[in-house]
């Protein structure tokens, strides 16, 4: 009897250790390929160890989605924004993942995060919300082709439930793949852990490399003076921004959604 109980206790102990090990392994995997990570735990520092700290212009700390004080940032919708410095390790990217949490107080064309193509001073790529035809939707644009007078980007819009005044998880994944005529990007967007509509750069020609070499803007569109599609300043909370140099899997996106930082 004693021997049997000892075996059972040993098995339970092993199972507990295995679960803990799996959890740790999953969290370690989510740090692989991180170019920049902004948990906003009282400041706007980059916790990826790459040193790409943000410059804060007006935004103030607020409670995060867990009710923890000063662990997110609030933007006033008229003048608040943050500047992402040039990310040298993100100079030319074929694959990319951007993950963030947002708590919008109004919709319309509101840009949460934007960045410029490497050799262009306008037509930024961006993530945001959209309210068109009375439908709430996510709205992503990724620039993949640049000409002497224009730029071409993939627009991804999908209908979602009303996101107002609640924390929402938004993820954009860019994957480099072989097309019929040429390599192309595939884009997938996720909302609260659920995969939404996809898009691609098409097979016309190999798309330009995505780049954060010019940095980016959090809380509005680029500051070049050309506010593409008249995107407005974001009003509400933003938290836990992660920028990766790889395409996260669907399972990893789900892990980020369920992760408590």
C-alpha atoms as a PDB file:
ATOM      1  CA  UNK A   1       0.000   0.000   0.000  1.00  0.00           C
ATOM      2  CA  UNK A   2       2.779   2.405   0.931  1.00  0.00           C
ATOM      3  CA  UNK A   3       4.639   1.504  -2.258  1.00  0.00           C
ATOM      4  CA  UNK A   4       1.543   2.157  -4.367  1.00  0.00           C
ATOM      5  CA  UNK A   5       0.956   5.547  -2.761  1.00  0.00           C
ATOM      6  CA  UNK A   6       4.604   6.420  -3.341  1.00  0.00           C
ATOM      7  CA  UNK A   7       4.324   5.588  -7.037  1.00  0.00           C
ATOM      8  CA  UNK A   8       1.145   7.684  -7.392  1.00  0.00           C
ATOM      9  CA  UNK A   9       2.722  10.656  -5.647  1.00  0.00           C
ATOM     10  CA  UNK A  10       5.774  10.320  -7.847  1.00  0.00           C
ATOM     11  CA  UNK A  11       3.624  10.280 -10.993  1.00  0.00           C
ATOM     12  CA  UNK A  12       1.659  13.334  -9.867  1.00  0.00           C
ATOM     13  CA  UNK A  13       4.898  15.150  -9.132  1.00  0.00           C
ATOM     14  CA  UNK A  14       6.235  14.320 -12.578  1.00  0.00           C
ATOM     15  CA  UNK A  15       3.043  15.529 -14.231  1.00  0.00           C
ATOM     16  CA  UNK A  16       3.188  18.805 -12.320  1.00  0.00           C
ATOM     17  CA  UNK A  17       6.809  19.367 -13.280  1.00  0.00           C
ATOM     18  CA  UNK A  18       6.027  18.524 -16.921  1.00  0.00           C
ATOM     19  CA  UNK A  19       3.189  21.070 -17.035  1.00  0.00           C
ATOM     20  CA  UNK A  20       5.397  23.754 -15.517  1.00  0.00           C
ATOM     21  CA  UNK A  21       8.164  22.944 -17.971  1.00  0.00           C
ATOM     22  CA  UNK A  22       5.728  23.140 -20.906  1.00  0.00           C
ATOM     23  CA  UNK A  23       4.460  26.543 -19.733  1.00  0.00           C
ATOM     24  CA  UNK A  24       7.989  27.870 -19.397  1.00  0.00           C
ATOM     25  CA  UNK A  25       8.928  26.498 -22.817  1.00  0.00           C
ATOM     26  CA  UNK A  26       5.894  28.161 -24.425  1.00  0.00           C
ATOM     27  CA  UNK A  27       6.724  31.532 -22.862  1.00  0.00           C
ATOM     28  CA  UNK A  28      10.368  31.222 -23.914  1.00  0.00           C
ATOM     29  CA  UNK A  29       9.237  30.479 -27.466  1.00  0.00           C
ATOM     30  CA  UNK A  30       7.248  33.714 -27.479  1.00  0.00           C
ATOM     31  CA  UNK A  31      10.474  35.657 -26.896  1.00  0.00           C
ATOM     32  CA  UNK A  32      12.145  34.223 -30.008  1.00  0.00           C
ATOM     33  CA  UNK A  33      12.468  36.755 -32.797  1.00  0.00           C
ATOM     34  CA  UNK A  34      11.342  39.727 -30.686  1.00  0.00           C
ATOM     35  CA  UNK A  35      12.612  42.966 -32.223  1.00  0.00           C
ATOM     36  CA  UNK A  36      10.863  45.163 -29.665  1.00  0.00           C
ATOM     37  CA  UNK A  37       8.558  44.563 -26.712  1.00  0.00           C
ATOM     38  CA  UNK A  38       6.665  47.287 -24.861  1.00  0.00           C
ATOM     39  CA  UNK A  39       4.755  45.921 -21.835  1.00  0.00           C
ATOM     40  CA  UNK A  40       4.180  49.499 -20.582  1.00  0.00           C
ATOM     41  CA  UNK A  41       4.815  48.583 -16.957  1.00  0.00           C
ATOM     42  CA  UNK A  42       5.040  52.157 -15.732  1.00  0.00           C
ATOM     43  CA  UNK A  43       7.257  53.299 -18.605  1.00  0.00           C
ATOM     44  CA  UNK A  44       7.725  52.994 -22.375  1.00  0.00           C
ATOM     45  CA  UNK A  45      10.971  51.017 -22.323  1.00  0.00           C
ATOM     46  CA  UNK A  46      11.766  48.178 -24.709  1.00  0.00           C
ATOM     47  CA  UNK A  47      11.969  44.924 -22.722  1.00  0.00           C
ATOM     48  CA  UNK A  48      13.327  42.840 -25.601  1.00  0.00           C
ATOM     49  CA  UNK A  49      16.918  43.751 -24.554  1.00  0.00           C
ATOM     50  CA  UNK A  50      17.432  45.468 -27.941  1.00  0.00           C
ATOM     51  CA  UNK A  51      17.156  48.947 -26.440  1.00  0.00           C
ATOM     52  CA  UNK A  52      14.507  50.488 -28.726  1.00  0.00           C
ATOM     53  CA  UNK A  53      12.827  52.606 -26.039  1.00  0.00           C
ATOM     54  CA  UNK A  54       9.881  54.804 -27.063  1.00  0.00           C
ATOM     55  CA  UNK A  55       9.649  58.596 -26.917  1.00  0.00           C
ATOM     56  CA  UNK A  56       6.368  59.564 -25.223  1.00  0.00           C
ATOM     57  CA  UNK A  57       4.451  62.649 -26.349  1.00  0.00           C
ATOM     58  CA  UNK A  58       1.503  63.341 -24.061  1.00  0.00           C
ATOM     59  CA  UNK A  59       0.281  59.798 -23.384  1.00  0.00           C
ATOM     60  CA  UNK A  60      -0.162  58.948 -19.689  1.00  0.00           C
ATOM     61  CA  UNK A  61      -0.213  55.680 -17.768  1.00  0.00           C
ATOM     62  CA  UNK A  62      -3.493  53.918 -16.948  1.00  0.00           C
ATOM     63  CA  UNK A  63      -4.788  50.568 -15.624  1.00  0.00           C
ATOM     64  CA  UNK A  64      -4.227  47.570 -17.884  1.00  0.00           C
ATOM     65  CA  UNK A  65      -6.744  44.865 -18.791  1.00  0.00           C
ATOM     66  CA  UNK A  66      -6.143  43.132 -15.461  1.00  0.00           C
ATOM     67  CA  UNK A  67      -6.867  46.277 -13.460  1.00  0.00           C
ATOM     68  CA  UNK A  68      -3.208  46.767 -12.567  1.00  0.00           C
ATOM     69  CA  UNK A  69      -2.338  50.425 -12.070  1.00  0.00           C
ATOM     70  CA  UNK A  70       0.061  52.263 -14.402  1.00  0.00           C
ATOM     71  CA  UNK A  71       0.637  49.243 -16.660  1.00  0.00           C
ATOM     72  CA  UNK A  72      -0.827  50.604 -19.906  1.00  0.00           C
ATOM     73  CA  UNK A  73      -0.942  53.971 -21.688  1.00  0.00           C
ATOM     74  CA  UNK A  74      -3.907  56.232 -22.446  1.00  0.00           C
ATOM     75  CA  UNK A  75      -4.030  58.418 -25.592  1.00  0.00           C
ATOM     76  CA  UNK A  76      -6.293  61.483 -25.814  1.00  0.00           C
ATOM     77  CA  UNK A  77      -7.234  61.155 -29.499  1.00  0.00           C
ATOM     78  CA  UNK A  78      -6.007  64.598 -30.510  1.00  0.00           C
ATOM     79  CA  UNK A  79      -2.305  65.031 -29.817  1.00  0.00           C
ATOM     80  CA  UNK A  80      -0.884  62.039 -27.918  1.00  0.00           C
ATOM     81  CA  UNK A  81       1.523  59.664 -29.635  1.00  0.00           C
ATOM     82  CA  UNK A  82       4.763  57.737 -29.156  1.00  0.00           C
ATOM     83  CA  UNK A  83       7.731  57.449 -31.476  1.00  0.00           C
ATOM     84  CA  UNK A  84       9.315  54.080 -32.216  1.00  0.00           C
ATOM     85  CA  UNK A  85      13.014  54.700 -32.943  1.00  0.00           C
ATOM     86  CA  UNK A  86      14.673  53.210 -36.034  1.00  0.00           C
ATOM     87  CA  UNK A  87      14.855  49.468 -35.431  1.00  0.00           C
ATOM     88  CA  UNK A  88      18.182  48.515 -36.971  1.00  0.00           C
ATOM     89  CA  UNK A  89      17.518  44.792 -36.595  1.00  0.00           C
ATOM     90  CA  UNK A  90      14.270  45.308 -38.509  1.00  0.00           C
ATOM     91  CA  UNK A  91      15.859  46.890 -41.587  1.00  0.00           C
ATOM     92  CA  UNK A  92      14.642  44.347 -44.162  1.00  0.00           C
ATOM     93  CA  UNK A  93      12.008  41.842 -43.091  1.00  0.00           C
ATOM     94  CA  UNK A  94      10.293  39.174 -45.124  1.00  0.00           C
ATOM     95  CA  UNK A  95       8.267  37.863 -42.210  1.00  0.00           C
ATOM     96  CA  UNK A  96       6.723  39.895 -39.430  1.00  0.00           C
ATOM     97  CA  UNK A  97       4.261  39.727 -36.543  1.00  0.00           C
ATOM     98  CA  UNK A  98       2.798  42.703 -34.680  1.00  0.00           C
ATOM     99  CA  UNK A  99       0.762  41.991 -31.554  1.00  0.00           C
ATOM    100  CA  UNK A 100      -0.910  44.564 -29.294  1.00  0.00           C
ATOM    101  CA  UNK A 101      -3.834  45.230 -26.969  1.00  0.00           C
ATOM    102  CA  UNK A 102      -6.083  48.247 -27.484  1.00  0.00           C
ATOM    103  CA  UNK A 103      -9.069  49.720 -25.651  1.00  0.00           C
ATOM    104  CA  UNK A 104     -10.709  52.200 -28.075  1.00  0.00           C
ATOM    105  CA  UNK A 105     -13.018  54.980 -26.877  1.00  0.00           C
ATOM    106  CA  UNK A 106     -14.193  55.877 -30.388  1.00  0.00           C
ATOM    107  CA  UNK A 107     -13.823  54.500 -33.898  1.00  0.00           C
ATOM    108  CA  UNK A 108     -13.591  55.872 -37.414  1.00  0.00           C
ATOM    109  CA  UNK A 109     -10.175  55.875 -39.081  1.00  0.00           C
ATOM    110  CA  UNK A 110      -7.997  55.600 -35.992  1.00  0.00           C
ATOM    111  CA  UNK A 111      -4.434  54.357 -36.401  1.00  0.00           C
ATOM    112  CA  UNK A 112      -3.006  52.404 -33.462  1.00  0.00           C
ATOM    113  CA  UNK A 113       0.454  51.753 -34.938  1.00  0.00           C
ATOM    114  CA  UNK A 114       2.063  52.787 -38.224  1.00  0.00           C
ATOM    115  CA  UNK A 115       5.450  52.631 -39.940  1.00  0.00           C
ATOM    116  CA  UNK A 116       6.914  53.794 -43.226  1.00  0.00           C
ATOM    117  CA  UNK A 117       8.467  51.803 -46.074  1.00  0.00           C
ATOM    118  CA  UNK A 118      12.239  51.971 -46.152  1.00  0.00           C
ATOM    119  CA  UNK A 119      12.634  54.352 -49.100  1.00  0.00           C
ATOM    120  CA  UNK A 120       9.416  56.328 -48.915  1.00  0.00           C
ATOM    121  CA  UNK A 121       8.221  59.337 -46.894  1.00  0.00           C
ATOM    122  CA  UNK A 122       4.496  58.690 -47.247  1.00  0.00           C
ATOM    123  CA  UNK A 123       1.912  55.881 -47.534  1.00  0.00           C
ATOM    124  CA  UNK A 124       2.527  54.110 -44.272  1.00  0.00           C
ATOM    125  CA  UNK A 125       1.614  50.605 -43.235  1.00  0.00           C
ATOM    126  CA  UNK A 126      -0.724  50.611 -40.260  1.00  0.00           C
ATOM    127  CA  UNK A 127      -3.000  48.741 -37.891  1.00  0.00           C
ATOM    128  CA  UNK A 128      -6.235  50.200 -36.640  1.00  0.00           C
ATOM    129  CA  UNK A 129     -10.005  50.064 -36.315  1.00  0.00           C
ATOM    130  CA  UNK A 130     -12.577  51.194 -38.854  1.00  0.00           C
ATOM    131  CA  UNK A 131     -16.242  52.109 -38.720  1.00  0.00           C
ATOM    132  CA  UNK A 132     -17.817  52.032 -42.169  1.00  0.00           C
ATOM    133  CA  UNK A 133     -21.436  51.357 -43.150  1.00  0.00           C
ATOM    134  CA  UNK A 134     -22.191  51.128 -39.406  1.00  0.00           C
ATOM    135  CA  UNK A 135     -19.994  48.009 -39.172  1.00  0.00           C
ATOM    136  CA  UNK A 136     -17.140  47.726 -36.695  1.00  0.00           C
ATOM    137  CA  UNK A 137     -14.037  46.196 -38.224  1.00  0.00           C
ATOM    138  CA  UNK A 138     -10.313  45.755 -37.920  1.00  0.00           C
ATOM    139  CA  UNK A 139      -8.369  47.576 -40.610  1.00  0.00           C
ATOM    140  CA  UNK A 140      -4.823  46.770 -41.678  1.00  0.00           C
ATOM    141  CA  UNK A 141      -2.809  48.106 -44.588  1.00  0.00           C
ATOM    142  CA  UNK A 142       0.612  46.751 -45.513  1.00  0.00           C
ATOM    143  CA  UNK A 143       2.661  48.479 -48.226  1.00  0.00           C
ATOM    144  CA  UNK A 144       4.431  45.978 -50.496  1.00  0.00           C
ATOM    145  CA  UNK A 145       5.193  47.902 -53.705  1.00  0.00           C
ATOM    146  CA  UNK A 146       6.671  51.355 -54.265  1.00  0.00           C
ATOM    147  CA  UNK A 147       6.766  53.328 -57.517  1.00  0.00           C
ATOM    148  CA  UNK A 148       8.150  56.776 -58.309  1.00  0.00           C
ATOM    149  CA  UNK A 149       4.807  58.423 -57.550  1.00  0.00           C
ATOM    150  CA  UNK A 150       2.758  55.968 -55.531  1.00  0.00           C
ATOM    151  CA  UNK A 151       2.715  52.955 -53.261  1.00  0.00           C
ATOM    152  CA  UNK A 152       0.569  49.848 -53.303  1.00  0.00           C
ATOM    153  CA  UNK A 153      -0.611  48.066 -50.197  1.00  0.00           C
ATOM    154  CA  UNK A 154      -2.829  45.207 -49.150  1.00  0.00           C
ATOM    155  CA  UNK A 155      -5.944  46.274 -47.256  1.00  0.00           C
ATOM    156  CA  UNK A 156      -7.474  43.785 -44.831  1.00  0.00           C
ATOM    157  CA  UNK A 157     -10.815  44.608 -43.247  1.00  0.00           C
ATOM    158  CA  UNK A 158     -13.079  42.226 -41.343  1.00  0.00           C
ATOM    159  CA  UNK A 159     -16.227  42.768 -39.309  1.00  0.00           C
ATOM    160  CA  UNK A 160     -15.967  42.331 -35.547  1.00  0.00           C
ATOM    161  CA  UNK A 161     -18.184  42.897 -32.526  1.00  0.00           C
ATOM    162  CA  UNK A 162     -18.286  46.343 -30.965  1.00  0.00           C
ATOM    163  CA  UNK A 163     -14.780  46.916 -29.538  1.00  0.00           C
ATOM    164  CA  UNK A 164     -15.566  50.194 -27.751  1.00  0.00           C
ATOM    165  CA  UNK A 165     -14.406  50.571 -24.168  1.00  0.00           C
ATOM    166  CA  UNK A 166     -13.022  47.063 -23.860  1.00  0.00           C
ATOM    167  CA  UNK A 167      -9.559  45.581 -24.196  1.00  0.00           C
ATOM    168  CA  UNK A 168      -9.079  43.840 -27.566  1.00  0.00           C
ATOM    169  CA  UNK A 169      -6.151  41.773 -28.810  1.00  0.00           C
ATOM    170  CA  UNK A 170      -5.048  42.571 -32.376  1.00  0.00           C
ATOM    171  CA  UNK A 171      -2.387  40.642 -34.287  1.00  0.00           C
ATOM    172  CA  UNK A 172      -1.082  40.971 -37.831  1.00  0.00           C
ATOM    173  CA  UNK A 173       1.096  38.190 -39.280  1.00  0.00           C
ATOM    174  CA  UNK A 174       3.066  38.566 -42.510  1.00  0.00           C
ATOM    175  CA  UNK A 175       4.441  35.399 -44.081  1.00  0.00           C
ATOM    176  CA  UNK A 176       6.732  35.144 -47.136  1.00  0.00           C
ATOM    177  CA  UNK A 177       5.698  32.374 -49.506  1.00  0.00           C
ATOM    178  CA  UNK A 178       6.029  31.203 -53.103  1.00  0.00           C
ATOM    179  CA  UNK A 179       3.279  32.441 -55.422  1.00  0.00           C
ATOM    180  CA  UNK A 180       2.372  31.213 -58.871  1.00  0.00           C
ATOM    181  CA  UNK A 181       4.547  33.755 -60.687  1.00  0.00           C
ATOM    182  CA  UNK A 182       6.753  35.165 -57.947  1.00  0.00           C
ATOM    183  CA  UNK A 183       7.269  35.161 -54.178  1.00  0.00           C
ATOM    184  CA  UNK A 184       4.604  37.058 -52.262  1.00  0.00           C
ATOM    185  CA  UNK A 185       3.427  38.015 -48.796  1.00  0.00           C
ATOM    186  CA  UNK A 186       0.464  36.411 -47.122  1.00  0.00           C
ATOM    187  CA  UNK A 187      -1.215  38.479 -44.411  1.00  0.00           C
ATOM    188  CA  UNK A 188      -3.374  37.132 -41.619  1.00  0.00           C
ATOM    189  CA  UNK A 189      -5.103  39.182 -38.964  1.00  0.00           C
ATOM    190  CA  UNK A 190      -6.395  37.974 -35.604  1.00  0.00           C
ATOM    191  CA  UNK A 191      -8.868  39.508 -33.182  1.00  0.00           C
ATOM    192  CA  UNK A 192      -9.105  38.209 -29.623  1.00  0.00           C
ATOM    193  CA  UNK A 193      -7.355  34.994 -30.619  1.00  0.00           C
ATOM    194  CA  UNK A 194      -9.593  34.322 -33.631  1.00  0.00           C
ATOM    195  CA  UNK A 195      -8.205  34.353 -37.170  1.00  0.00           C
ATOM    196  CA  UNK A 196     -10.055  36.786 -39.431  1.00  0.00           C
ATOM    197  CA  UNK A 197      -9.774  37.434 -43.158  1.00  0.00           C
ATOM    198  CA  UNK A 198      -6.498  37.010 -45.013  1.00  0.00           C
ATOM    199  CA  UNK A 199      -4.928  38.857 -47.926  1.00  0.00           C
ATOM    200  CA  UNK A 200      -1.762  38.820 -50.014  1.00  0.00           C
ATOM    201  CA  UNK A 201       0.557  41.015 -52.044  1.00  0.00           C
ATOM    202  CA  UNK A 202      -0.274  39.087 -55.228  1.00  0.00           C
ATOM    203  CA  UNK A 203       1.982  37.449 -57.810  1.00  0.00           C
ATOM    204  CA  UNK A 204       2.856  40.477 -59.957  1.00  0.00           C
ATOM    205  CA  UNK A 205       6.415  40.869 -58.706  1.00  0.00           C
ATOM    206  CA  UNK A 206       8.431  40.087 -55.592  1.00  0.00           C
ATOM    207  CA  UNK A 207       7.251  42.536 -52.897  1.00  0.00           C
ATOM    208  CA  UNK A 208       9.618  44.972 -51.223  1.00  0.00           C
ATOM    209  CA  UNK A 209      10.976  44.007 -47.827  1.00  0.00           C
ATOM    210  CA  UNK A 210       9.039  45.317 -44.858  1.00  0.00           C
ATOM    211  CA  UNK A 211      11.166  47.627 -42.742  1.00  0.00           C
ATOM    212  CA  UNK A 212      11.184  49.388 -39.382  1.00  0.00           C
ATOM    213  CA  UNK A 213      14.440  51.161 -40.256  1.00  0.00           C
ATOM    214  CA  UNK A 214      12.570  54.481 -40.025  1.00  0.00           C
ATOM    215  CA  UNK A 215      10.911  53.485 -36.801  1.00  0.00           C
ATOM    216  CA  UNK A 216       7.197  54.081 -36.418  1.00  0.00           C
ATOM    217  CA  UNK A 217       4.389  55.833 -34.584  1.00  0.00           C
ATOM    218  CA  UNK A 218       2.046  54.548 -31.876  1.00  0.00           C
ATOM    219  CA  UNK A 219      -1.243  56.387 -31.437  1.00  0.00           C
ATOM    220  CA  UNK A 220      -1.486  57.969 -34.904  1.00  0.00           C
ATOM    221  CA  UNK A 221      -0.245  57.689 -38.478  1.00  0.00           C
ATOM    222  CA  UNK A 222       3.186  58.759 -39.706  1.00  0.00           C
ATOM    223  CA  UNK A 223       4.361  62.301 -38.987  1.00  0.00           C
ATOM    224  CA  UNK A 224       5.626  63.010 -42.506  1.00  0.00           C
ATOM    225  CA  UNK A 225       2.863  65.547 -43.128  1.00  0.00           C
ATOM    226  CA  UNK A 226       1.011  63.171 -45.447  1.00  0.00           C
ATOM    227  CA  UNK A 227      -1.521  61.428 -43.217  1.00  0.00           C
ATOM    228  CA  UNK A 228      -2.529  58.579 -45.476  1.00  0.00           C
ATOM    229  CA  UNK A 229      -6.345  58.223 -45.751  1.00  0.00           C
ATOM    230  CA  UNK A 230      -6.642  60.983 -43.132  1.00  0.00           C
ATOM    231  CA  UNK A 231      -6.182  58.541 -40.296  1.00  0.00           C
ATOM    232  CA  UNK A 232      -6.834  60.237 -36.986  1.00  0.00           C
ATOM    233  CA  UNK A 233      -5.171  60.032 -33.616  1.00  0.00           C
ATOM    234  CA  UNK A 234      -6.182  57.027 -31.528  1.00  0.00           C
ATOM    235  CA  UNK A 235      -8.272  57.661 -28.411  1.00  0.00           C
ATOM    236  CA  UNK A 236      -8.142  55.063 -25.652  1.00  0.00           C
ATOM    237  CA  UNK A 237      -5.685  52.616 -24.123  1.00  0.00           C
ATOM    238  CA  UNK A 238      -2.810  50.698 -25.705  1.00  0.00           C
ATOM    239  CA  UNK A 239      -0.750  47.960 -24.069  1.00  0.00           C
ATOM    240  CA  UNK A 240       1.661  45.055 -24.581  1.00  0.00           C
ATOM    241  CA  UNK A 241       3.069  45.799 -28.040  1.00  0.00           C
ATOM    242  CA  UNK A 242       5.300  43.106 -29.542  1.00  0.00           C
ATOM    243  CA  UNK A 243       7.122  43.299 -32.886  1.00  0.00           C
ATOM    244  CA  UNK A 244       8.668  40.065 -34.224  1.00  0.00           C
ATOM    245  CA  UNK A 245      10.960  39.317 -37.152  1.00  0.00           C
ATOM    246  CA  UNK A 246       9.096  36.068 -37.802  1.00  0.00           C
ATOM    247  CA  UNK A 247       5.587  34.863 -38.572  1.00  0.00           C
ATOM    248  CA  UNK A 248       3.968  33.457 -35.459  1.00  0.00           C
ATOM    249  CA  UNK A 249       1.854  30.330 -35.798  1.00  0.00           C
ATOM    250  CA  UNK A 250      -1.857  30.281 -35.017  1.00  0.00           C
ATOM    251  CA  UNK A 251      -1.069  28.413 -31.790  1.00  0.00           C
ATOM    252  CA  UNK A 252       1.459  31.064 -30.736  1.00  0.00           C
ATOM    253  CA  UNK A 253      -1.076  33.828 -31.383  1.00  0.00           C
ATOM    254  CA  UNK A 254      -3.512  31.970 -29.143  1.00  0.00           C
ATOM    255  CA  UNK A 255      -0.809  31.735 -26.460  1.00  0.00           C
ATOM    256  CA  UNK A 256      -0.251  35.497 -26.635  1.00  0.00           C
ATOM    257  CA  UNK A 257      -3.984  36.097 -26.280  1.00  0.00           C
ATOM    258  CA  UNK A 258      -4.137  33.933 -23.143  1.00  0.00           C
ATOM    259  CA  UNK A 259      -0.841  35.137 -21.696  1.00  0.00           C
ATOM    260  CA  UNK A 260      -0.926  37.132 -18.470  1.00  0.00           C
ATOM    261  CA  UNK A 261       2.173  39.334 -18.431  1.00  0.00           C
END
